[in-house]
Amino acid sequence: SREVFRLEMALPVLSARARFEALVGSAGRFLVVKGSTGSGKSTQLPQYLADMAMFAGLKILVTEPRKVAAMTLAARVALEWSAGEHAPPCGRAAVGYRAGGASSAGARIEFVTEGNFLAQLIRQSKGDGVLDGVGAVVLDEAHERSVKSDLILGALRSLPGLQHLRVVVASATMDTALFSTFLGGAPVIDVPGRVFPVDVVYRPTSEHEVDTVSKVVGMALEIHGGPPASGDVLAFLTGQADVLRACDMFSRAAKEASAITLPLFGNQDPGEQALVFAPAAGGRRK
């Protein structure tokens, strides 16, 4: 069963499950959860809510700032919800997402972008009833404080027609006192995370070196051409144009079949974004 699957994963948030469910069921509409990186909050909290008797037959919504997060988290939770077996395709699964025009009708747990949820809130405030079948909402990555997320929090606190919703505000790094006060003294749960060893290597550049893309590509080539090691290489750049240019530069410089170069940016087609998270064929490095 999925309960056994969760126990085997042994994520830190499991230790707070009993308190989390008790507060959701008895402490008012709002709950603030600070779950450190690696705690499992983004994948586990929606499942805990869906398992609670008070939300039987109701949908659980999870908001994410970016569509790539909504898509990848939905895929992971779908796998866990089916106890490790591959879940049916979106649209027939109990877990799905709504992002970038794509949606999964009928999903019990649905990950949505903040923009999509804000549109639903506006429709609900006008009597549309689009959220009548929703029992709880998890606002993930609340610390980012975008205009959309602030509007969502304000609407959930103040607009009529939303009082039936339980709201969990979650983040890895947030000012819990600030959010708790804004939400009328909402209770706070602090969940520890997991830490992994990280080596930090500084590669200073002179003030005359302004071609960041070339420096990043050079570093990626150096890592790839170094001692054999498992794992992929993730390089961050400032925008779509730089990402595409870096991919072209790396592909031309590497000239070998052992690496596959994949772009990733916000305006990308969801199918292309999914390629980044799929295993590379033939043991190649991404």
C-alpha atoms as a PDB file:
ATOM      1  CA  SER A   1       0.000   0.000   0.000  1.00  0.00           C
ATOM      2  CA  ARG A   2       1.047   3.634  -0.242  1.00  0.00           C
ATOM      3  CA  GLU A   3       1.385   3.817   3.566  1.00  0.00           C
ATOM      4  CA  VAL A   4       4.139   1.214   3.421  1.00  0.00           C
ATOM      5  CA  PHE A   5       5.687   3.087   0.508  1.00  0.00           C
ATOM      6  CA  ARG A   6       5.762   6.283   2.605  1.00  0.00           C
ATOM      7  CA  LEU A   7       7.349   4.504   5.549  1.00  0.00           C
ATOM      8  CA  GLU A   8      10.072   3.138   3.307  1.00  0.00           C
ATOM      9  CA  MET A   9      10.890   6.649   2.054  1.00  0.00           C
ATOM     10  CA  ALA A  10      11.249   7.837   5.678  1.00  0.00           C
ATOM     11  CA  LEU A  11      10.854  11.526   4.868  1.00  0.00           C
ATOM     12  CA  PRO A  12      11.194  13.898   7.856  1.00  0.00           C
ATOM     13  CA  VAL A  13       7.689  15.342   7.411  1.00  0.00           C
ATOM     14  CA  LEU A  14       6.204  11.961   8.364  1.00  0.00           C
ATOM     15  CA  SER A  15       7.117  12.655  11.999  1.00  0.00           C
ATOM     16  CA  ALA A  16       4.841  15.709  11.953  1.00  0.00           C
ATOM     17  CA  ARG A  17       1.893  14.030  10.236  1.00  0.00           C
ATOM     18  CA  ALA A  18      -0.220  13.426  13.358  1.00  0.00           C
ATOM     19  CA  ARG A  19       0.143  17.037  14.544  1.00  0.00           C
ATOM     20  CA  PHE A  20      -0.452  18.363  11.030  1.00  0.00           C
ATOM     21  CA  GLU A  21      -3.712  16.438  10.653  1.00  0.00           C
ATOM     22  CA  ALA A  22      -4.854  17.405  14.147  1.00  0.00           C
ATOM     23  CA  LEU A  23      -4.315  21.119  13.496  1.00  0.00           C
ATOM     24  CA  VAL A  24      -5.965  20.984  10.072  1.00  0.00           C
ATOM     25  CA  GLY A  25      -9.003  19.349  11.653  1.00  0.00           C
ATOM     26  CA  SER A  26      -9.367  21.594  14.673  1.00  0.00           C
ATOM     27  CA  ALA A  27      -7.349  24.818  14.577  1.00  0.00           C
ATOM     28  CA  GLY A  28      -9.282  26.985  12.152  1.00  0.00           C
ATOM     29  CA  ARG A  29      -8.912  27.594   8.420  1.00  0.00           C
ATOM     30  CA  PHE A  30      -5.201  28.410   8.194  1.00  0.00           C
ATOM     31  CA  LEU A  31      -2.006  26.529   9.032  1.00  0.00           C
ATOM     32  CA  VAL A  32       1.595  27.604   8.379  1.00  0.00           C
ATOM     33  CA  VAL A  33       4.189  24.884   7.693  1.00  0.00           C
ATOM     34  CA  LYS A  34       7.897  25.603   7.476  1.00  0.00           C
ATOM     35  CA  GLY A  35       9.377  22.478   5.936  1.00  0.00           C
ATOM     36  CA  SER A  36      13.105  22.667   5.317  1.00  0.00           C
ATOM     37  CA  THR A  37      14.567  21.462   2.029  1.00  0.00           C
ATOM     38  CA  GLY A  38      14.327  17.678   1.759  1.00  0.00           C
ATOM     39  CA  SER A  39      11.546  17.355   4.346  1.00  0.00           C
ATOM     40  CA  GLY A  40       9.013  16.093   1.801  1.00  0.00           C
ATOM     41  CA  LYS A  41       6.425  18.817   2.411  1.00  0.00           C
ATOM     42  CA  SER A  42       5.604  19.442  -1.257  1.00  0.00           C
ATOM     43  CA  THR A  43       4.836  15.795  -2.015  1.00  0.00           C
ATOM     44  CA  GLN A  44       3.504  14.506   1.310  1.00  0.00           C
ATOM     45  CA  LEU A  45       1.224  17.240   2.698  1.00  0.00           C
ATOM     46  CA  PRO A  46      -1.253  17.031  -0.222  1.00  0.00           C
ATOM     47  CA  GLN A  47      -1.465  13.264   0.249  1.00  0.00           C
ATOM     48  CA  TYR A  48      -2.049  13.578   3.998  1.00  0.00           C
ATOM     49  CA  LEU A  49      -4.915  15.973   3.301  1.00  0.00           C
ATOM     50  CA  ALA A  50      -6.434  13.687   0.677  1.00  0.00           C
ATOM     51  CA  ASP A  51      -6.355  10.788   3.160  1.00  0.00           C
ATOM     52  CA  MET A  52      -8.233  12.708   5.864  1.00  0.00           C
ATOM     53  CA  ALA A  53     -11.878  11.734   6.378  1.00  0.00           C
ATOM     54  CA  MET A  54     -13.010  15.371   6.463  1.00  0.00           C
ATOM     55  CA  PHE A  55     -11.903  15.766   2.833  1.00  0.00           C
ATOM     56  CA  ALA A  56     -13.459  12.564   1.510  1.00  0.00           C
ATOM     57  CA  GLY A  57     -14.779  13.198  -1.988  1.00  0.00           C
ATOM     58  CA  LEU A  58     -13.195  16.651  -2.142  1.00  0.00           C
ATOM     59  CA  LYS A  59     -10.297  17.849  -4.265  1.00  0.00           C
ATOM     60  CA  ILE A  60      -6.952  19.009  -2.858  1.00  0.00           C
ATOM     61  CA  LEU A  61      -5.268  21.850  -4.761  1.00  0.00           C
ATOM     62  CA  VAL A  62      -1.571  22.681  -4.545  1.00  0.00           C
ATOM     63  CA  THR A  63      -0.293  25.959  -5.987  1.00  0.00           C
ATOM     64  CA  GLU A  64       3.221  26.293  -7.437  1.00  0.00           C
ATOM     65  CA  PRO A  65       4.954  29.439  -8.776  1.00  0.00           C
ATOM     66  CA  ARG A  66       6.079  27.700 -11.983  1.00  0.00           C
ATOM     67  CA  LYS A  67       4.455  25.199 -14.300  1.00  0.00           C
ATOM     68  CA  VAL A  68       7.527  22.953 -14.425  1.00  0.00           C
ATOM     69  CA  ALA A  69       7.211  22.486 -10.652  1.00  0.00           C
ATOM     70  CA  ALA A  70       3.487  21.709 -10.948  1.00  0.00           C
ATOM     71  CA  MET A  71       4.150  19.101 -13.641  1.00  0.00           C
ATOM     72  CA  THR A  72       7.080  17.336 -11.996  1.00  0.00           C
ATOM     73  CA  LEU A  73       5.521  17.278  -8.529  1.00  0.00           C
ATOM     74  CA  ALA A  74       2.282  15.893  -9.977  1.00  0.00           C
ATOM     75  CA  ALA A  75       4.231  13.094 -11.650  1.00  0.00           C
ATOM     76  CA  ARG A  76       6.052  12.248  -8.425  1.00  0.00           C
ATOM     77  CA  VAL A  77       2.935  12.318  -6.243  1.00  0.00           C
ATOM     78  CA  ALA A  78       1.064  10.194  -8.799  1.00  0.00           C
ATOM     79  CA  LEU A  79       3.811   7.586  -8.462  1.00  0.00           C
ATOM     80  CA  GLU A  80       3.658   7.668  -4.667  1.00  0.00           C
ATOM     81  CA  TRP A  81      -0.150   7.670  -4.553  1.00  0.00           C
ATOM     82  CA  SER A  82      -0.119   4.421  -6.511  1.00  0.00           C
ATOM     83  CA  ALA A  83       2.442   2.956  -4.064  1.00  0.00           C
ATOM     84  CA  GLY A  84       5.321   3.036  -6.489  1.00  0.00           C
ATOM     85  CA  GLU A  85       3.505   1.638  -9.492  1.00  0.00           C
ATOM     86  CA  HIS A  86       3.297   3.787 -12.600  1.00  0.00           C
ATOM     87  CA  ALA A  87       0.087   5.785 -12.417  1.00  0.00           C
ATOM     88  CA  PRO A  88      -2.344   6.030 -15.340  1.00  0.00           C
ATOM     89  CA  PRO A  89      -1.921   8.972 -17.727  1.00  0.00           C
ATOM     90  CA  CYS A  90      -3.044  12.425 -16.556  1.00  0.00           C
ATOM     91  CA  GLY A  91      -6.788  12.762 -16.941  1.00  0.00           C
ATOM     92  CA  ARG A  92      -7.449   9.273 -15.578  1.00  0.00           C
ATOM     93  CA  ALA A  93      -5.106   9.417 -12.589  1.00  0.00           C
ATOM     94  CA  ALA A  94      -5.975  10.482  -9.060  1.00  0.00           C
ATOM     95  CA  VAL A  95      -3.160  13.036  -9.268  1.00  0.00           C
ATOM     96  CA  GLY A  96      -2.725  15.616 -12.006  1.00  0.00           C
ATOM     97  CA  TYR A  97      -1.822  19.182 -12.848  1.00  0.00           C
ATOM     98  CA  ARG A  98      -3.233  22.299 -14.459  1.00  0.00           C
ATOM     99  CA  ALA A  99      -0.555  24.475 -16.032  1.00  0.00           C
ATOM    100  CA  GLY A 100       0.241  26.151 -19.320  1.00  0.00           C
ATOM    101  CA  GLY A 101      -3.130  25.295 -20.841  1.00  0.00           C
ATOM    102  CA  ALA A 102      -2.813  21.596 -20.013  1.00  0.00           C
ATOM    103  CA  SER A 103      -5.059  20.068 -17.367  1.00  0.00           C
ATOM    104  CA  SER A 104      -6.084  16.762 -15.828  1.00  0.00           C
ATOM    105  CA  ALA A 105      -9.834  16.633 -15.381  1.00  0.00           C
ATOM    106  CA  GLY A 106     -11.110  14.660 -12.417  1.00  0.00           C
ATOM    107  CA  ALA A 107      -7.851  14.482 -10.455  1.00  0.00           C
ATOM    108  CA  ARG A 108      -8.245  14.140  -6.680  1.00  0.00           C
ATOM    109  CA  ILE A 109      -4.962  15.978  -6.006  1.00  0.00           C
ATOM    110  CA  GLU A 110      -4.214  18.705  -8.507  1.00  0.00           C
ATOM    111  CA  PHE A 111      -1.089  20.862  -8.780  1.00  0.00           C
ATOM    112  CA  VAL A 112      -1.817  24.255 -10.339  1.00  0.00           C
ATOM    113  CA  THR A 113       0.156  27.378 -11.167  1.00  0.00           C
ATOM    114  CA  GLU A 114      -0.517  30.454  -9.057  1.00  0.00           C
ATOM    115  CA  GLY A 115      -1.941  32.257 -12.078  1.00  0.00           C
ATOM    116  CA  ASN A 116      -4.423  29.463 -12.729  1.00  0.00           C
ATOM    117  CA  PHE A 117      -5.561  29.365  -9.102  1.00  0.00           C
ATOM    118  CA  LEU A 118      -5.932  33.130  -8.958  1.00  0.00           C
ATOM    119  CA  ALA A 119      -8.264  32.926 -11.956  1.00  0.00           C
ATOM    120  CA  GLN A 120     -10.305  30.267 -10.136  1.00  0.00           C
ATOM    121  CA  LEU A 121     -10.519  32.491  -7.037  1.00  0.00           C
ATOM    122  CA  ILE A 122     -11.889  35.356  -9.121  1.00  0.00           C
ATOM    123  CA  ARG A 123     -14.500  33.086 -10.694  1.00  0.00           C
ATOM    124  CA  GLN A 124     -15.480  31.735  -7.262  1.00  0.00           C
ATOM    125  CA  SER A 125     -15.906  35.255  -5.862  1.00  0.00           C
ATOM    126  CA  LYS A 126     -18.371  35.963  -8.690  1.00  0.00           C
ATOM    127  CA  GLY A 127     -20.515  32.978  -7.746  1.00  0.00           C
ATOM    128  CA  ASP A 128     -19.156  30.593 -10.377  1.00  0.00           C
ATOM    129  CA  GLY A 129     -18.741  27.770  -7.824  1.00  0.00           C
ATOM    130  CA  VAL A 130     -15.544  26.465  -9.450  1.00  0.00           C
ATOM    131  CA  LEU A 131     -14.017  25.800  -6.012  1.00  0.00           C
ATOM    132  CA  ASP A 132     -17.090  24.314  -4.336  1.00  0.00           C
ATOM    133  CA  GLY A 133     -15.683  20.796  -4.715  1.00  0.00           C
ATOM    134  CA  VAL A 134     -12.316  21.712  -3.208  1.00  0.00           C
ATOM    135  CA  GLY A 135     -11.650  20.904   0.446  1.00  0.00           C
ATOM    136  CA  ALA A 136      -8.136  22.241   1.004  1.00  0.00           C
ATOM    137  CA  VAL A 137      -5.458  24.326  -0.692  1.00  0.00           C
ATOM    138  CA  VAL A 138      -1.703  24.096  -0.158  1.00  0.00           C
ATOM    139  CA  LEU A 139       0.154  27.298  -1.088  1.00  0.00           C
ATOM    140  CA  ASP A 140       3.643  25.975  -1.738  1.00  0.00           C
ATOM    141  CA  GLU A 141       6.808  28.100  -1.899  1.00  0.00           C
ATOM    142  CA  ALA A 142       4.999  30.953  -0.152  1.00  0.00           C
ATOM    143  CA  HIS A 143       8.272  32.716   0.668  1.00  0.00           C
ATOM    144  CA  GLU A 144       8.676  33.866  -2.950  1.00  0.00           C
ATOM    145  CA  ARG A 145       6.042  36.564  -2.330  1.00  0.00           C
ATOM    146  CA  SER A 146       5.040  37.280  -5.915  1.00  0.00           C
ATOM    147  CA  VAL A 147       2.166  39.623  -6.745  1.00  0.00           C
ATOM    148  CA  LYS A 148       0.033  36.588  -7.564  1.00  0.00           C
ATOM    149  CA  SER A 149       0.781  34.769  -4.304  1.00  0.00           C
ATOM    150  CA  ASP A 150       0.064  37.895  -2.233  1.00  0.00           C
ATOM    151  CA  LEU A 151      -3.259  38.377  -4.043  1.00  0.00           C
ATOM    152  CA  ILE A 152      -4.103  34.722  -3.423  1.00  0.00           C
ATOM    153  CA  LEU A 153      -3.412  35.002   0.311  1.00  0.00           C
ATOM    154  CA  GLY A 154      -5.431  38.185   0.579  1.00  0.00           C
ATOM    155  CA  ALA A 155      -8.340  36.667  -1.315  1.00  0.00           C
ATOM    156  CA  LEU A 156      -8.358  33.488   0.751  1.00  0.00           C
ATOM    157  CA  ARG A 157      -8.409  35.521   3.943  1.00  0.00           C
ATOM    158  CA  SER A 158     -11.019  38.078   2.952  1.00  0.00           C
ATOM    159  CA  LEU A 159     -13.223  37.155  -0.002  1.00  0.00           C
ATOM    160  CA  PRO A 160     -16.676  35.623   0.599  1.00  0.00           C
ATOM    161  CA  GLY A 161     -17.416  32.188  -0.779  1.00  0.00           C
ATOM    162  CA  LEU A 162     -14.072  30.734   0.324  1.00  0.00           C
ATOM    163  CA  GLN A 163     -14.721  30.065   3.989  1.00  0.00           C
ATOM    164  CA  HIS A 164     -15.117  26.333   3.388  1.00  0.00           C
ATOM    165  CA  LEU A 165     -11.480  25.984   2.327  1.00  0.00           C
ATOM    166  CA  ARG A 166      -8.734  24.824   4.663  1.00  0.00           C
ATOM    167  CA  VAL A 167      -5.499  26.575   3.695  1.00  0.00           C
ATOM    168  CA  VAL A 168      -1.950  25.335   4.323  1.00  0.00           C
ATOM    169  CA  VAL A 169       0.794  27.907   3.659  1.00  0.00           C
ATOM    170  CA  ALA A 170       4.082  26.066   3.144  1.00  0.00           C
ATOM    171  CA  SER A 171       7.684  26.970   2.379  1.00  0.00           C
ATOM    172  CA  ALA A 172      11.248  25.893   3.061  1.00  0.00           C
ATOM    173  CA  THR A 173      12.374  29.400   4.044  1.00  0.00           C
ATOM    174  CA  MET A 174       9.781  31.811   5.337  1.00  0.00           C
ATOM    175  CA  ASP A 175       9.061  34.292   8.103  1.00  0.00           C
ATOM    176  CA  THR A 176       6.533  32.134   9.925  1.00  0.00           C
ATOM    177  CA  ALA A 177       5.613  34.881  12.400  1.00  0.00           C
ATOM    178  CA  LEU A 178       4.757  37.260   9.550  1.00  0.00           C
ATOM    179  CA  PHE A 179       2.481  34.761   7.813  1.00  0.00           C
ATOM    180  CA  SER A 180       0.905  33.581  11.058  1.00  0.00           C
ATOM    181  CA  THR A 181       0.067  37.149  12.100  1.00  0.00           C
ATOM    182  CA  PHE A 182      -1.383  37.997   8.689  1.00  0.00           C
ATOM    183  CA  LEU A 183      -3.586  34.906   8.884  1.00  0.00           C
ATOM    184  CA  GLY A 184      -5.028  35.766  12.287  1.00  0.00           C
ATOM    185  CA  GLY A 185      -2.578  33.901  14.501  1.00  0.00           C
ATOM    186  CA  ALA A 186      -2.524  30.674  12.502  1.00  0.00           C
ATOM    187  CA  PRO A 187      -0.619  27.814  14.165  1.00  0.00           C
ATOM    188  CA  VAL A 188       2.871  26.989  12.896  1.00  0.00           C
ATOM    189  CA  ILE A 189       4.592  23.644  12.330  1.00  0.00           C
ATOM    190  CA  ASP A 190       8.353  23.518  11.797  1.00  0.00           C
ATOM    191  CA  VAL A 191       9.628  20.368  10.051  1.00  0.00           C
ATOM    192  CA  PRO A 192      13.371  19.636   9.756  1.00  0.00           C
ATOM    193  CA  GLY A 193      14.817  18.687   6.390  1.00  0.00           C
ATOM    194  CA  ARG A 194      17.628  16.588   5.009  1.00  0.00           C
ATOM    195  CA  VAL A 195      21.080  17.908   4.268  1.00  0.00           C
ATOM    196  CA  PHE A 196      23.544  16.526   1.744  1.00  0.00           C
ATOM    197  CA  PRO A 197      27.247  17.284   1.349  1.00  0.00           C
ATOM    198  CA  VAL A 198      27.986  20.003  -1.188  1.00  0.00           C
ATOM    199  CA  ASP A 199      31.392  21.146  -2.399  1.00  0.00           C
ATOM    200  CA  VAL A 200      31.555  24.844  -3.233  1.00  0.00           C
ATOM    201  CA  VAL A 201      34.256  25.781  -5.728  1.00  0.00           C
ATOM    202  CA  TYR A 202      34.742  29.453  -6.576  1.00  0.00           C
ATOM    203  CA  ARG A 203      35.950  30.390 -10.033  1.00  0.00           C
ATOM    204  CA  PRO A 204      36.578  34.163  -9.917  1.00  0.00           C
ATOM    205  CA  THR A 205      36.490  36.154 -13.141  1.00  0.00           C
ATOM    206  CA  SER A 206      37.948  39.539 -13.915  1.00  0.00           C
ATOM    207  CA  GLU A 207      35.765  42.595 -14.368  1.00  0.00           C
ATOM    208  CA  HIS A 208      36.595  42.540 -18.070  1.00  0.00           C
ATOM    209  CA  GLU A 209      35.070  39.080 -18.589  1.00  0.00           C
ATOM    210  CA  VAL A 210      31.467  39.865 -19.403  1.00  0.00           C
ATOM    211  CA  ASP A 211      30.504  36.808 -21.488  1.00  0.00           C
ATOM    212  CA  THR A 212      28.830  34.783 -18.751  1.00  0.00           C
ATOM    213  CA  VAL A 213      27.480  32.209 -21.190  1.00  0.00           C
ATOM    214  CA  SER A 214      30.959  31.248 -22.404  1.00  0.00           C
ATOM    215  CA  LYS A 215      32.215  30.916 -18.827  1.00  0.00           C
ATOM    216  CA  VAL A 216      29.293  28.691 -17.859  1.00  0.00           C
ATOM    217  CA  VAL A 217      29.719  26.496 -20.941  1.00  0.00           C
ATOM    218  CA  GLY A 218      33.448  26.240 -20.252  1.00  0.00           C
ATOM    219  CA  MET A 219      32.774  25.089 -16.702  1.00  0.00           C
ATOM    220  CA  ALA A 220      30.254  22.491 -17.898  1.00  0.00           C
ATOM    221  CA  LEU A 221      32.768  21.170 -20.426  1.00  0.00           C
ATOM    222  CA  GLU A 222      35.440  20.997 -17.736  1.00  0.00           C
ATOM    223  CA  ILE A 223      33.157  18.983 -15.440  1.00  0.00           C
ATOM    224  CA  HIS A 224      32.065  16.665 -18.231  1.00  0.00           C
ATOM    225  CA  GLY A 225      35.609  16.113 -19.443  1.00  0.00           C
ATOM    226  CA  GLY A 226      36.978  15.466 -15.958  1.00  0.00           C
ATOM    227  CA  PRO A 227      37.257  12.196 -14.036  1.00  0.00           C
ATOM    228  CA  PRO A 228      34.371   9.783 -14.756  1.00  0.00           C
ATOM    229  CA  ALA A 229      31.473  10.363 -12.378  1.00  0.00           C
ATOM    230  CA  SER A 230      27.776   9.663 -12.245  1.00  0.00           C
ATOM    231  CA  GLY A 231      25.145  12.370 -12.387  1.00  0.00           C
ATOM    232  CA  ASP A 232      24.152  15.175 -14.702  1.00  0.00           C
ATOM    233  CA  VAL A 233      25.221  18.825 -14.988  1.00  0.00           C
ATOM    234  CA  LEU A 234      22.766  21.665 -14.286  1.00  0.00           C
ATOM    235  CA  ALA A 235      23.805  25.153 -15.390  1.00  0.00           C
ATOM    236  CA  PHE A 236      21.827  28.291 -14.504  1.00  0.00           C
ATOM    237  CA  LEU A 237      21.642  31.254 -16.865  1.00  0.00           C
ATOM    238  CA  THR A 238      19.674  34.480 -16.946  1.00  0.00           C
ATOM    239  CA  GLY A 239      17.174  33.908 -19.744  1.00  0.00           C
ATOM    240  CA  GLN A 240      15.910  31.886 -22.680  1.00  0.00           C
ATOM    241  CA  ALA A 241      18.294  33.387 -25.227  1.00  0.00           C
ATOM    242  CA  ASP A 242      21.331  32.610 -23.070  1.00  0.00           C
ATOM    243  CA  VAL A 243      20.063  29.064 -22.419  1.00  0.00           C
ATOM    244  CA  LEU A 244      19.654  28.315 -26.134  1.00  0.00           C
ATOM    245  CA  ARG A 245      23.021  29.848 -26.948  1.00  0.00           C
ATOM    246  CA  ALA A 246      24.729  27.803 -24.232  1.00  0.00           C
ATOM    247  CA  CYS A 247      23.148  24.583 -25.497  1.00  0.00           C
ATOM    248  CA  ASP A 248      24.422  25.297 -29.000  1.00  0.00           C
ATOM    249  CA  MET A 249      27.919  26.133 -27.751  1.00  0.00           C
ATOM    250  CA  PHE A 250      28.139  23.021 -25.582  1.00  0.00           C
ATOM    251  CA  SER A 251      26.850  20.705 -28.321  1.00  0.00           C
ATOM    252  CA  ARG A 252      29.402  22.010 -30.820  1.00  0.00           C
ATOM    253  CA  ALA A 253      32.277  21.891 -28.328  1.00  0.00           C
ATOM    254  CA  ALA A 254      31.569  18.479 -26.792  1.00  0.00           C
ATOM    255  CA  LYS A 255      31.355  16.599 -30.107  1.00  0.00           C
ATOM    256  CA  GLU A 256      30.642  13.281 -28.469  1.00  0.00           C
ATOM    257  CA  ALA A 257      27.711  10.959 -28.013  1.00  0.00           C
ATOM    258  CA  SER A 258      28.221  10.587 -24.253  1.00  0.00           C
ATOM    259  CA  ALA A 259      26.334  13.812 -23.476  1.00  0.00           C
ATOM    260  CA  ILE A 260      22.914  15.135 -24.439  1.00  0.00           C
ATOM    261  CA  THR A 261      22.226  18.884 -24.201  1.00  0.00           C
ATOM    262  CA  LEU A 262      18.740  19.940 -23.099  1.00  0.00           C
ATOM    263  CA  PRO A 263      17.355  23.479 -22.624  1.00  0.00           C
ATOM    264  CA  LEU A 264      14.931  24.386 -19.841  1.00  0.00           C
ATOM    265  CA  PHE A 265      13.068  27.699 -19.514  1.00  0.00           C
ATOM    266  CA  GLY A 266       9.685  29.025 -18.497  1.00  0.00           C
ATOM    267  CA  ASN A 267       8.076  29.527 -21.926  1.00  0.00           C
ATOM    268  CA  GLN A 268       9.058  26.086 -23.140  1.00  0.00           C
ATOM    269  CA  ASP A 269       6.526  23.504 -24.286  1.00  0.00           C
ATOM    270  CA  PRO A 270       5.645  21.169 -21.366  1.00  0.00           C
ATOM    271  CA  GLY A 271       6.630  18.124 -23.426  1.00  0.00           C
ATOM    272  CA  GLU A 272      10.090  19.554 -23.995  1.00  0.00           C
ATOM    273  CA  GLN A 273      10.446  20.418 -20.317  1.00  0.00           C
ATOM    274  CA  ALA A 274       9.609  16.832 -19.401  1.00  0.00           C
ATOM    275  CA  LEU A 275      12.631  15.588 -21.379  1.00  0.00           C
ATOM    276  CA  VAL A 276      14.919  17.172 -18.789  1.00  0.00           C
ATOM    277  CA  PHE A 277      13.570  14.888 -16.071  1.00  0.00           C
ATOM    278  CA  ALA A 278      13.480  11.676 -18.117  1.00  0.00           C
ATOM    279  CA  PRO A 279      16.423   9.275 -17.878  1.00  0.00           C
ATOM    280  CA  ALA A 280      18.866   9.659 -20.758  1.00  0.00           C
ATOM    281  CA  ALA A 281      19.136   6.637 -23.032  1.00  0.00           C
ATOM    282  CA  GLY A 282      22.350   4.680 -23.328  1.00  0.00           C
ATOM    283  CA  GLY A 283      23.833   5.906 -20.067  1.00  0.00           C
ATOM    284  CA  ARG A 284      24.541   9.360 -21.471  1.00  0.00           C
ATOM    285  CA  ARG A 285      24.952  12.382 -19.233  1.00  0.00           C
ATOM    286  CA  LYS A 286      22.462  15.221 -19.531  1.00  0.00           C
END
